[in-house]
Amino acid sequence: MSDESLAARDSNDEGKTTSPNIVWILWPETWIYAALSGFDIVLTYQLLARLDHVEANPLARYFIEGWGLKGMVWFKLGMTAFVLALLHALLQKKEVYARTVVRLGMAAVGAVNCYSIWLLMRA
């Protein structure tokens, strides 16, 4: 690729240069995924602390049994960071792969949040 084509690819409409390596941070889907993940932490905390529910995910349950609710928070933060790192790595190959992963993540965490809300409403 020539320098001109690289500059054209890496600039936005205003002529400002943006790195293709961090463009995923600007996607609305990324922020929605992060917000849904944070909401998942809050809902899970409510279910485990207030209502004495059991975590269905065996890996998350391992962290909860070993380190309590603090372990659950760190596990969920770690999983969110893993997905965001995966987005960054996939973006190096093809943007459509990265967008697909973040959208699937949004759907999965959104479904878990809906289930958690349903459990909280039943209590």
Protein backbone atom coordinates (compact mmCIF):
# COMPACT_ATOMS: atom_id res chain seq x y z
CA MET A 1 0.00 0.00 0.00
CA SER A 2 1.19 3.46 -0.77
CA ASP A 3 1.52 6.14 1.88
CA GLU A 4 -1.39 8.04 0.31
CA SER A 5 -3.75 5.08 0.49
CA LEU A 6 -2.75 4.43 4.11
CA ALA A 7 -3.40 8.07 5.01
CA ALA A 8 -6.78 7.99 3.28
CA ARG A 9 -7.75 4.78 5.08
CA ASP A 10 -6.70 6.13 8.47
CA SER A 11 -8.43 9.51 8.30
CA ASN A 12 -12.01 10.37 9.13
CA ASP A 13 -14.33 12.85 7.40
CA GLU A 14 -12.75 15.80 9.20
CA GLY A 15 -9.27 14.81 8.05
CA LYS A 16 -8.15 13.75 11.50
CA THR A 17 -6.06 10.62 11.60
CA THR A 18 -7.45 7.68 13.53
CA SER A 19 -5.54 4.52 14.17
CA PRO A 20 -7.28 1.43 12.78
CA ASN A 21 -5.99 -0.42 15.84
CA ILE A 22 -8.27 1.43 18.27
CA VAL A 23 -11.25 2.29 16.10
CA TRP A 24 -13.36 -0.36 17.90
CA ILE A 25 -13.35 1.87 20.98
CA LEU A 26 -15.49 4.36 19.04
CA TRP A 27 -18.16 1.83 18.03
CA PRO A 28 -21.50 2.24 19.81
CA GLU A 29 -21.67 -1.55 20.08
CA THR A 30 -18.51 -1.57 22.19
CA TRP A 31 -19.98 0.89 24.68
CA ILE A 32 -23.31 -0.95 24.76
CA TYR A 33 -21.48 -4.23 25.42
CA ALA A 34 -19.47 -2.62 28.24
CA ALA A 35 -22.63 -1.10 29.78
CA LEU A 36 -24.50 -4.42 29.57
CA SER A 37 -21.53 -6.16 31.18
CA GLY A 38 -21.50 -3.64 34.02
CA PHE A 39 -25.24 -4.09 34.48
CA ASP A 40 -24.66 -7.86 34.56
CA ILE A 41 -22.27 -7.39 37.49
CA VAL A 42 -24.87 -5.34 39.37
CA LEU A 43 -27.67 -7.83 38.71
CA THR A 44 -25.54 -10.84 39.62
CA TYR A 45 -24.43 -9.13 42.81
CA GLN A 46 -28.07 -8.47 43.72
CA LEU A 47 -29.07 -12.07 43.05
CA LEU A 48 -26.17 -13.57 44.98
CA ALA A 49 -26.05 -11.17 47.93
CA ARG A 50 -29.70 -10.39 48.49
CA LEU A 51 -31.58 -13.41 47.29
CA ASP A 52 -29.17 -16.27 47.93
CA HIS A 53 -29.21 -17.56 44.34
CA VAL A 54 -26.49 -19.82 42.95
CA GLU A 55 -24.35 -18.84 39.96
CA ALA A 56 -25.15 -21.07 36.97
CA ASN A 57 -21.77 -20.62 35.25
CA PRO A 58 -19.37 -23.18 36.79
CA LEU A 59 -16.28 -21.07 36.06
CA ALA A 60 -17.84 -18.00 37.68
CA ARG A 61 -19.00 -20.18 40.57
CA TYR A 62 -15.38 -21.28 41.11
CA PHE A 63 -14.33 -17.66 41.58
CA ILE A 64 -17.29 -16.93 43.83
CA GLU A 65 -16.59 -19.95 46.04
CA GLY A 66 -12.91 -19.07 46.24
CA TRP A 67 -13.05 -15.30 46.63
CA GLY A 68 -16.67 -14.40 47.34
CA LEU A 69 -18.54 -11.62 45.60
CA LYS A 70 -15.29 -9.75 45.03
CA GLY A 71 -14.11 -12.76 43.00
CA MET A 72 -17.30 -12.63 40.94
CA VAL A 73 -16.74 -8.95 40.14
CA TRP A 74 -13.13 -9.53 39.09
CA PHE A 75 -14.11 -12.58 37.01
CA LYS A 76 -16.78 -10.62 35.12
CA LEU A 77 -14.47 -7.65 34.62
CA GLY A 78 -11.81 -10.04 33.32
CA MET A 79 -14.23 -11.63 30.86
CA THR A 80 -15.27 -8.20 29.60
CA ALA A 81 -11.62 -7.23 29.16
CA PHE A 82 -10.99 -10.52 27.32
CA VAL A 83 -13.78 -9.81 24.81
CA LEU A 84 -12.50 -6.27 24.27
CA ALA A 85 -8.98 -7.62 23.68
CA LEU A 86 -10.44 -10.16 21.26
CA LEU A 87 -12.10 -7.29 19.37
CA HIS A 88 -8.75 -5.58 19.05
CA ALA A 89 -7.08 -8.76 17.77
CA LEU A 90 -9.87 -9.54 15.30
CA LEU A 91 -9.80 -6.01 13.95
CA GLN A 92 -6.26 -6.72 12.74
CA LYS A 93 -7.73 -9.43 10.47
CA LYS A 94 -11.11 -8.10 9.41
CA GLU A 95 -13.49 -5.52 10.86
CA VAL A 96 -16.59 -7.60 10.15
CA TYR A 97 -15.28 -10.36 12.47
CA ALA A 98 -14.74 -7.90 15.30
CA ARG A 99 -18.17 -6.33 14.84
CA THR A 100 -19.78 -9.79 14.79
CA VAL A 101 -18.09 -10.74 18.07
CA VAL A 102 -19.15 -7.55 19.86
CA ARG A 103 -22.72 -7.94 18.59
CA LEU A 104 -22.85 -11.57 19.72
CA GLY A 105 -21.46 -10.46 23.08
CA MET A 106 -24.17 -7.82 23.35
CA ALA A 107 -26.85 -10.42 22.60
CA ALA A 108 -25.45 -12.94 25.09
CA VAL A 109 -25.01 -10.49 27.96
CA GLY A 110 -28.35 -8.89 27.15
CA ALA A 111 -30.08 -12.27 27.36
CA VAL A 112 -28.39 -13.03 30.69
CA ASN A 113 -29.47 -9.61 31.99
CA CYS A 114 -33.08 -10.27 30.94
CA TYR A 115 -33.01 -13.60 32.77
CA SER A 116 -31.51 -11.95 35.87
CA ILE A 117 -34.18 -9.26 35.83
CA TRP A 118 -36.84 -11.96 35.53
CA LEU A 119 -35.33 -13.76 38.57
CA LEU A 120 -35.28 -10.53 40.56
CA MET A 121 -38.90 -9.79 39.69
CA ARG A 122 -39.98 -13.25 40.86
CA ALA A 123 -38.36 -12.82 44.25
